[in-house]
């Protein structure tokens, strides 16, 4: 039983880590988008 608990905990930690990395990546992309001169009218 304790094995599945450790497995669930590991899965939870991995998912949380992936979400955090994705947020940081999106933030980095957003920041670099401001630095690059945009030719689209949306910018």
C-alpha atoms as a PDB file:
ATOM      1  CA  UNK A   1       0.000   0.000   0.000  1.00  0.00           C
ATOM      2  CA  UNK A   2       2.758   2.440   0.889  1.00  0.00           C
ATOM      3  CA  UNK A   3       4.314   1.921  -2.531  1.00  0.00           C
ATOM      4  CA  UNK A   4       1.290   3.371  -4.322  1.00  0.00           C
ATOM      5  CA  UNK A   5       1.342   6.304  -1.903  1.00  0.00           C
ATOM      6  CA  UNK A   6       4.928   7.089  -2.837  1.00  0.00           C
ATOM      7  CA  UNK A   7       4.000   6.722  -6.489  1.00  0.00           C
ATOM      8  CA  UNK A   8       1.112   9.190  -6.114  1.00  0.00           C
ATOM      9  CA  UNK A   9       3.360  11.632  -4.282  1.00  0.00           C
ATOM     10  CA  UNK A  10       6.018  11.407  -6.987  1.00  0.00           C
ATOM     11  CA  UNK A  11       3.408  11.948  -9.713  1.00  0.00           C
ATOM     12  CA  UNK A  12       2.039  14.960  -7.855  1.00  0.00           C
ATOM     13  CA  UNK A  13       5.503  16.489  -7.495  1.00  0.00           C
ATOM     14  CA  UNK A  14       6.342  15.904 -11.141  1.00  0.00           C
ATOM     15  CA  UNK A  15       3.090  17.485 -12.304  1.00  0.00           C
ATOM     16  CA  UNK A  16       3.597  20.495 -10.041  1.00  0.00           C
ATOM     17  CA  UNK A  17       7.153  20.889 -11.320  1.00  0.00           C
ATOM     18  CA  UNK A  18       5.998  20.703 -14.941  1.00  0.00           C
ATOM     19  CA  UNK A  19       3.350  23.361 -14.327  1.00  0.00           C
ATOM     20  CA  UNK A  20       5.915  25.634 -12.684  1.00  0.00           C
ATOM     21  CA  UNK A  21       8.383  25.201 -15.548  1.00  0.00           C
ATOM     22  CA  UNK A  22       5.640  25.889 -18.084  1.00  0.00           C
ATOM     23  CA  UNK A  23       4.713  29.109 -16.289  1.00  0.00           C
ATOM     24  CA  UNK A  24       8.337  30.254 -16.225  1.00  0.00           C
ATOM     25  CA  UNK A  25       8.744  29.388 -19.908  1.00  0.00           C
ATOM     26  CA  UNK A  26       5.632  31.364 -20.860  1.00  0.00           C
ATOM     27  CA  UNK A  27       6.857  34.312 -18.813  1.00  0.00           C
ATOM     28  CA  UNK A  28      10.233  34.155 -20.551  1.00  0.00           C
ATOM     29  CA  UNK A  29       8.583  34.008 -23.979  1.00  0.00           C
ATOM     30  CA  UNK A  30       6.363  36.953 -23.108  1.00  0.00           C
ATOM     31  CA  UNK A  31       9.366  38.971 -21.959  1.00  0.00           C
ATOM     32  CA  UNK A  32      11.358  38.171 -25.100  1.00  0.00           C
ATOM     33  CA  UNK A  33       8.348  39.063 -27.254  1.00  0.00           C
ATOM     34  CA  UNK A  34       8.578  42.626 -25.924  1.00  0.00           C
ATOM     35  CA  UNK A  35      12.258  42.827 -26.810  1.00  0.00           C
ATOM     36  CA  UNK A  36      11.754  41.651 -30.388  1.00  0.00           C
ATOM     37  CA  UNK A  37      10.224  44.367 -32.582  1.00  0.00           C
ATOM     38  CA  UNK A  38       6.885  43.037 -33.729  1.00  0.00           C
ATOM     39  CA  UNK A  39       5.656  43.664 -37.261  1.00  0.00           C
ATOM     40  CA  UNK A  40       2.144  42.420 -36.582  1.00  0.00           C
ATOM     41  CA  UNK A  41      -0.576  45.018 -35.964  1.00  0.00           C
ATOM     42  CA  UNK A  42      -1.640  43.173 -32.822  1.00  0.00           C
ATOM     43  CA  UNK A  43       1.590  44.173 -31.087  1.00  0.00           C
END
